[in-house]
C-alpha cells in the first residue's frame, strides 16, 4: 500500500459493505428459515442503498486525497455486494392478486 493519505472512514465503508454482504449471503442460504425473508430483504436493500449514497458522497468529498488502493478496495467491496443481489432476487416469488369484477 502506498504511503499516501489513508483514512479510517474509507475502511469503515469497506467493512460495512462486507457486513451487508455477509447478511445477504446468510439470508440467501437460509431463506426458508426466516419468518419474514421479504422484510429482511427490504431492510438489507435499504441499508445497501444508504451505503452506496454514503460512498458516493465520501468519494466526492475526498476527491484526489483517495489513493488508487483505497478506491479499488471500496469499488471491489461494492461490486461484491452487488453480485449477491441477483441471488436474493431469485428467491423472491412475486405474487399476483386477482380481482374479481362483477
N, C-alpha and C. Protein backbone atom coordinates (compact mmCIF):
# COMPACT_ATOMS: atom_id res chain seq x y z
N UNK A 1 0.86 -1.18 0.00
CA UNK A 1 0.00 0.00 0.00
C UNK A 1 0.89 1.23 0.00
N UNK A 2 0.45 2.27 -0.71
CA UNK A 2 1.27 3.49 -0.77
C UNK A 2 1.28 4.20 0.58
N UNK A 3 2.24 5.08 0.71
CA UNK A 3 2.34 5.86 1.95
C UNK A 3 1.53 7.15 1.83
N UNK A 4 0.68 7.24 0.81
CA UNK A 4 -0.15 8.42 0.62
C UNK A 4 -1.24 8.45 1.70
N UNK A 5 -2.08 9.45 1.58
CA UNK A 5 -3.16 9.66 2.54
C UNK A 5 -4.04 8.42 2.67
N UNK A 6 -4.24 7.95 3.89
CA UNK A 6 -5.12 6.82 4.17
C UNK A 6 -5.99 7.22 5.35
N UNK A 7 -7.28 7.01 5.22
CA UNK A 7 -8.15 7.39 6.32
C UNK A 7 -8.99 6.21 6.78
N UNK A 8 -9.53 6.35 7.97
CA UNK A 8 -10.32 5.28 8.56
C UNK A 8 -11.73 5.24 7.99
N UNK A 9 -12.26 6.36 7.53
CA UNK A 9 -13.63 6.40 7.02
C UNK A 9 -13.80 5.46 5.82
N UNK A 10 -12.82 5.47 4.93
CA UNK A 10 -12.89 4.57 3.78
C UNK A 10 -12.88 3.12 4.20
N UNK A 11 -12.05 2.79 5.17
CA UNK A 11 -12.00 1.42 5.68
C UNK A 11 -13.35 1.03 6.29
N UNK A 12 -13.96 1.94 7.02
CA UNK A 12 -15.26 1.67 7.61
C UNK A 12 -16.33 1.42 6.54
N UNK A 13 -16.24 2.10 5.42
CA UNK A 13 -17.18 1.88 4.31
C UNK A 13 -17.01 0.46 3.76
N UNK A 14 -15.76 0.03 3.61
CA UNK A 14 -15.48 -1.32 3.12
C UNK A 14 -16.01 -2.35 4.12
N UNK A 15 -15.78 -2.12 5.39
CA UNK A 15 -16.26 -3.04 6.43
C UNK A 15 -17.78 -3.15 6.38
N UNK A 16 -18.46 -2.02 6.26
CA UNK A 16 -19.93 -2.05 6.19
C UNK A 16 -20.41 -2.83 4.96
N UNK A 17 -19.72 -2.68 3.85
CA UNK A 17 -20.09 -3.43 2.64
C UNK A 17 -19.93 -4.92 2.88
N UNK A 18 -18.86 -5.32 3.54
CA UNK A 18 -18.65 -6.73 3.84
C UNK A 18 -19.70 -7.25 4.83
N UNK A 19 -20.07 -6.44 5.80
CA UNK A 19 -21.11 -6.84 6.75
C UNK A 19 -22.45 -7.05 6.04
N UNK A 20 -22.78 -6.15 5.13
CA UNK A 20 -24.01 -6.31 4.36
C UNK A 20 -23.93 -7.54 3.46
N UNK A 21 -22.78 -7.78 2.86
CA UNK A 21 -22.59 -8.97 2.03
C UNK A 21 -22.81 -10.24 2.85
N UNK A 22 -22.28 -10.24 4.05
CA UNK A 22 -22.46 -11.40 4.93
C UNK A 22 -23.94 -11.61 5.25
N UNK A 23 -24.64 -10.53 5.60
CA UNK A 23 -26.05 -10.64 5.94
C UNK A 23 -26.89 -11.11 4.75
N UNK A 24 -26.59 -10.61 3.56
CA UNK A 24 -27.32 -11.04 2.36
C UNK A 24 -27.02 -12.50 2.05
N UNK A 25 -25.78 -12.91 2.20
CA UNK A 25 -25.42 -14.31 1.96
C UNK A 25 -26.16 -15.23 2.93
N UNK A 26 -26.19 -14.85 4.20
CA UNK A 26 -26.91 -15.66 5.19
C UNK A 26 -28.39 -15.73 4.86
N UNK A 27 -28.97 -14.62 4.44
CA UNK A 27 -30.38 -14.62 4.05
C UNK A 27 -30.60 -15.54 2.85
N UNK A 28 -29.73 -15.45 1.85
CA UNK A 28 -29.87 -16.31 0.67
C UNK A 28 -29.78 -17.78 1.04
N UNK A 29 -28.82 -18.14 1.87
CA UNK A 29 -28.61 -19.54 2.24
C UNK A 29 -29.75 -20.09 3.09
N UNK A 30 -30.33 -19.23 3.91
CA UNK A 30 -31.34 -19.69 4.87
C UNK A 30 -32.71 -19.07 4.61
N UNK A 31 -32.99 -18.76 3.37
CA UNK A 31 -34.21 -18.04 3.01
C UNK A 31 -35.46 -18.64 3.67
N UNK A 32 -35.61 -19.95 3.58
CA UNK A 32 -36.81 -20.61 4.09
C UNK A 32 -36.85 -20.67 5.62
N UNK A 33 -35.74 -20.42 6.27
CA UNK A 33 -35.69 -20.44 7.73
C UNK A 33 -36.13 -19.11 8.35
N UNK A 34 -36.14 -18.05 7.57
CA UNK A 34 -36.53 -16.73 8.08
C UNK A 34 -38.06 -16.66 8.14
N UNK A 35 -38.57 -16.11 9.22
CA UNK A 35 -40.03 -15.98 9.35
C UNK A 35 -40.57 -14.95 8.36
N UNK A 36 -39.78 -13.94 8.04
CA UNK A 36 -40.20 -12.93 7.08
C UNK A 36 -38.99 -12.51 6.23
N UNK A 37 -38.62 -13.40 5.33
CA UNK A 37 -37.44 -13.16 4.49
C UNK A 37 -37.59 -11.93 3.62
N UNK A 38 -38.80 -11.67 3.14
CA UNK A 38 -39.02 -10.50 2.29
C UNK A 38 -38.76 -9.22 3.06
N UNK A 39 -39.24 -9.15 4.29
CA UNK A 39 -39.00 -7.97 5.12
C UNK A 39 -37.50 -7.79 5.36
N UNK A 40 -36.81 -8.88 5.65
CA UNK A 40 -35.37 -8.83 5.86
C UNK A 40 -34.66 -8.35 4.60
N UNK A 41 -35.11 -8.82 3.44
CA UNK A 41 -34.51 -8.41 2.17
C UNK A 41 -34.70 -6.90 1.96
N UNK A 42 -35.89 -6.41 2.26
CA UNK A 42 -36.15 -4.97 2.15
C UNK A 42 -35.19 -4.17 3.03
N UNK A 43 -35.01 -4.62 4.26
CA UNK A 43 -34.13 -3.91 5.20
C UNK A 43 -32.69 -3.91 4.70
N UNK A 44 -32.24 -5.04 4.18
CA UNK A 44 -30.87 -5.12 3.68
C UNK A 44 -30.68 -4.26 2.43
N UNK A 45 -31.67 -4.21 1.58
CA UNK A 45 -31.57 -3.38 0.38
C UNK A 45 -31.56 -1.90 0.77
N UNK A 46 -32.34 -1.54 1.78
CA UNK A 46 -32.35 -0.15 2.25
C UNK A 46 -30.97 0.23 2.81
N UNK A 47 -30.39 -0.66 3.60
CA UNK A 47 -29.06 -0.40 4.15
C UNK A 47 -28.02 -0.29 3.03
N UNK A 48 -28.13 -1.16 2.04
CA UNK A 48 -27.20 -1.12 0.91
C UNK A 48 -27.32 0.18 0.14
N UNK A 49 -28.55 0.60 -0.10
CA UNK A 49 -28.78 1.84 -0.83
C UNK A 49 -28.17 3.02 -0.07
N UNK A 50 -28.36 3.07 1.24
CA UNK A 50 -27.79 4.15 2.05
C UNK A 50 -26.26 4.12 1.98
N UNK A 51 -25.69 2.92 2.03
CA UNK A 51 -24.24 2.81 1.95
C UNK A 51 -23.72 3.30 0.61
N UNK A 52 -24.41 2.97 -0.48
CA UNK A 52 -23.98 3.42 -1.80
C UNK A 52 -23.98 4.95 -1.88
N UNK A 53 -25.00 5.57 -1.30
CA UNK A 53 -25.06 7.03 -1.29
C UNK A 53 -23.92 7.60 -0.45
N UNK A 54 -23.67 7.01 0.72
CA UNK A 54 -22.58 7.46 1.58
C UNK A 54 -21.24 7.34 0.88
N UNK A 55 -21.05 6.25 0.15
CA UNK A 55 -19.78 6.05 -0.56
C UNK A 55 -19.62 7.09 -1.65
N UNK A 56 -20.69 7.37 -2.37
CA UNK A 56 -20.62 8.40 -3.42
C UNK A 56 -20.27 9.76 -2.82
N UNK A 57 -20.92 10.10 -1.72
CA UNK A 57 -20.63 11.37 -1.05
C UNK A 57 -19.19 11.40 -0.53
N UNK A 58 -18.74 10.29 0.01
CA UNK A 58 -17.38 10.18 0.52
C UNK A 58 -16.36 10.39 -0.60
N UNK A 59 -16.56 9.72 -1.72
CA UNK A 59 -15.63 9.85 -2.85
C UNK A 59 -15.62 11.27 -3.39
N UNK A 60 -16.78 11.92 -3.44
CA UNK A 60 -16.83 13.31 -3.89
C UNK A 60 -16.08 14.23 -2.92
N UNK A 61 -16.30 14.01 -1.63
CA UNK A 61 -15.68 14.86 -0.61
C UNK A 61 -14.16 14.67 -0.55
N UNK A 62 -13.71 13.43 -0.66
CA UNK A 62 -12.28 13.14 -0.52
C UNK A 62 -11.51 13.42 -1.80
N UNK A 63 -12.15 13.23 -2.93
CA UNK A 63 -11.55 13.55 -4.22
C UNK A 63 -10.16 12.98 -4.41
N UNK A 64 -9.21 13.84 -4.69
CA UNK A 64 -7.85 13.40 -5.03
C UNK A 64 -7.06 12.90 -3.82
N UNK A 65 -7.59 13.07 -2.62
CA UNK A 65 -6.89 12.55 -1.44
C UNK A 65 -6.91 11.02 -1.39
N UNK A 66 -7.91 10.42 -2.05
CA UNK A 66 -8.01 8.96 -2.04
C UNK A 66 -6.94 8.35 -2.92
N UNK A 67 -6.29 7.34 -2.41
CA UNK A 67 -5.29 6.63 -3.20
C UNK A 67 -6.00 5.64 -4.13
N UNK A 68 -5.29 5.20 -5.13
CA UNK A 68 -5.83 4.20 -6.04
C UNK A 68 -6.18 2.93 -5.27
N UNK A 69 -5.34 2.59 -4.32
CA UNK A 69 -5.58 1.41 -3.47
C UNK A 69 -6.92 1.53 -2.74
N UNK A 70 -7.15 2.70 -2.12
CA UNK A 70 -8.40 2.91 -1.38
C UNK A 70 -9.60 2.83 -2.31
N UNK A 71 -9.52 3.47 -3.46
CA UNK A 71 -10.63 3.43 -4.41
C UNK A 71 -10.91 2.00 -4.86
N UNK A 72 -9.85 1.24 -5.14
CA UNK A 72 -10.02 -0.14 -5.57
C UNK A 72 -10.67 -1.00 -4.49
N UNK A 73 -10.27 -0.79 -3.24
CA UNK A 73 -10.85 -1.56 -2.14
C UNK A 73 -12.34 -1.27 -1.99
N UNK A 74 -12.71 -0.01 -2.06
CA UNK A 74 -14.12 0.38 -1.93
C UNK A 74 -14.91 -0.15 -3.13
N UNK A 75 -14.39 0.04 -4.33
CA UNK A 75 -15.08 -0.44 -5.53
C UNK A 75 -15.25 -1.95 -5.50
N UNK A 76 -14.24 -2.66 -5.08
CA UNK A 76 -14.30 -4.11 -5.01
C UNK A 76 -15.37 -4.57 -4.01
N UNK A 77 -15.44 -3.93 -2.86
CA UNK A 77 -16.44 -4.28 -1.84
C UNK A 77 -17.85 -4.02 -2.36
N UNK A 78 -18.03 -2.89 -3.05
CA UNK A 78 -19.34 -2.55 -3.60
C UNK A 78 -19.73 -3.54 -4.70
N UNK A 79 -18.79 -3.90 -5.56
CA UNK A 79 -19.07 -4.86 -6.63
C UNK A 79 -19.45 -6.22 -6.05
N UNK A 80 -18.73 -6.66 -5.02
CA UNK A 80 -19.04 -7.94 -4.37
C UNK A 80 -20.45 -7.92 -3.77
N UNK A 81 -20.79 -6.82 -3.15
CA UNK A 81 -22.13 -6.67 -2.59
C UNK A 81 -23.18 -6.74 -3.70
N UNK A 82 -22.92 -6.06 -4.79
CA UNK A 82 -23.85 -6.07 -5.91
C UNK A 82 -24.02 -7.44 -6.55
N UNK A 83 -23.00 -8.27 -6.51
CA UNK A 83 -23.08 -9.62 -7.09
C UNK A 83 -24.03 -10.52 -6.32
N UNK A 84 -24.30 -10.20 -5.05
CA UNK A 84 -25.19 -11.03 -4.24
C UNK A 84 -26.66 -10.76 -4.49
N UNK A 85 -26.98 -9.59 -4.98
CA UNK A 85 -28.37 -9.19 -5.17
C UNK A 85 -29.12 -10.13 -6.13
N UNK A 86 -28.55 -10.53 -7.27
CA UNK A 86 -29.29 -11.43 -8.15
C UNK A 86 -29.67 -12.76 -7.48
N UNK A 87 -28.83 -13.25 -6.58
CA UNK A 87 -29.15 -14.49 -5.87
C UNK A 87 -30.38 -14.28 -4.99
N UNK A 88 -30.44 -13.14 -4.33
CA UNK A 88 -31.60 -12.84 -3.50
C UNK A 88 -32.83 -12.63 -4.38
N UNK A 89 -32.64 -11.97 -5.50
CA UNK A 89 -33.75 -11.72 -6.42
C UNK A 89 -34.38 -13.03 -6.88
N UNK A 90 -33.56 -14.06 -7.07
CA UNK A 90 -34.07 -15.37 -7.48
C UNK A 90 -34.91 -16.04 -6.41
N UNK A 91 -34.74 -15.65 -5.16
CA UNK A 91 -35.51 -16.23 -4.06
C UNK A 91 -36.91 -15.62 -3.97
N UNK A 92 -37.08 -14.45 -4.52
CA UNK A 92 -38.33 -13.72 -4.39
C UNK A 92 -39.33 -14.19 -5.44
N UNK A 93 -40.48 -14.59 -4.98
CA UNK A 93 -41.54 -15.06 -5.87
C UNK A 93 -42.67 -14.04 -5.85
N UNK A 94 -42.80 -13.26 -6.91
CA UNK A 94 -43.88 -12.27 -6.94
C UNK A 94 -45.24 -12.95 -6.84
N UNK A 95 -46.12 -12.34 -6.12
CA UNK A 95 -47.47 -12.88 -6.00
C UNK A 95 -48.42 -12.03 -6.81
N UNK A 96 -49.40 -12.67 -7.36
CA UNK A 96 -50.41 -11.98 -8.14
C UNK A 96 -51.70 -11.94 -7.34
N UNK A 97 -52.28 -10.80 -7.29
CA UNK A 97 -53.57 -10.68 -6.64
C UNK A 97 -54.61 -10.53 -7.73
N UNK A 98 -55.51 -11.47 -7.78
CA UNK A 98 -56.55 -11.45 -8.80
C UNK A 98 -57.79 -10.79 -8.22
N UNK A 99 -58.30 -9.85 -8.94
CA UNK A 99 -59.53 -9.17 -8.50
C UNK A 99 -60.66 -9.64 -9.38
N UNK A 100 -61.76 -9.90 -8.75
CA UNK A 100 -62.96 -10.28 -9.49
C UNK A 100 -63.79 -9.04 -9.79
N UNK A 101 -64.17 -8.91 -10.98
CA UNK A 101 -65.09 -7.83 -11.31
C UNK A 101 -66.46 -8.41 -11.62
N UNK A 102 -67.43 -7.93 -10.94
CA UNK A 102 -68.79 -8.45 -11.11
C UNK A 102 -69.56 -7.67 -12.13
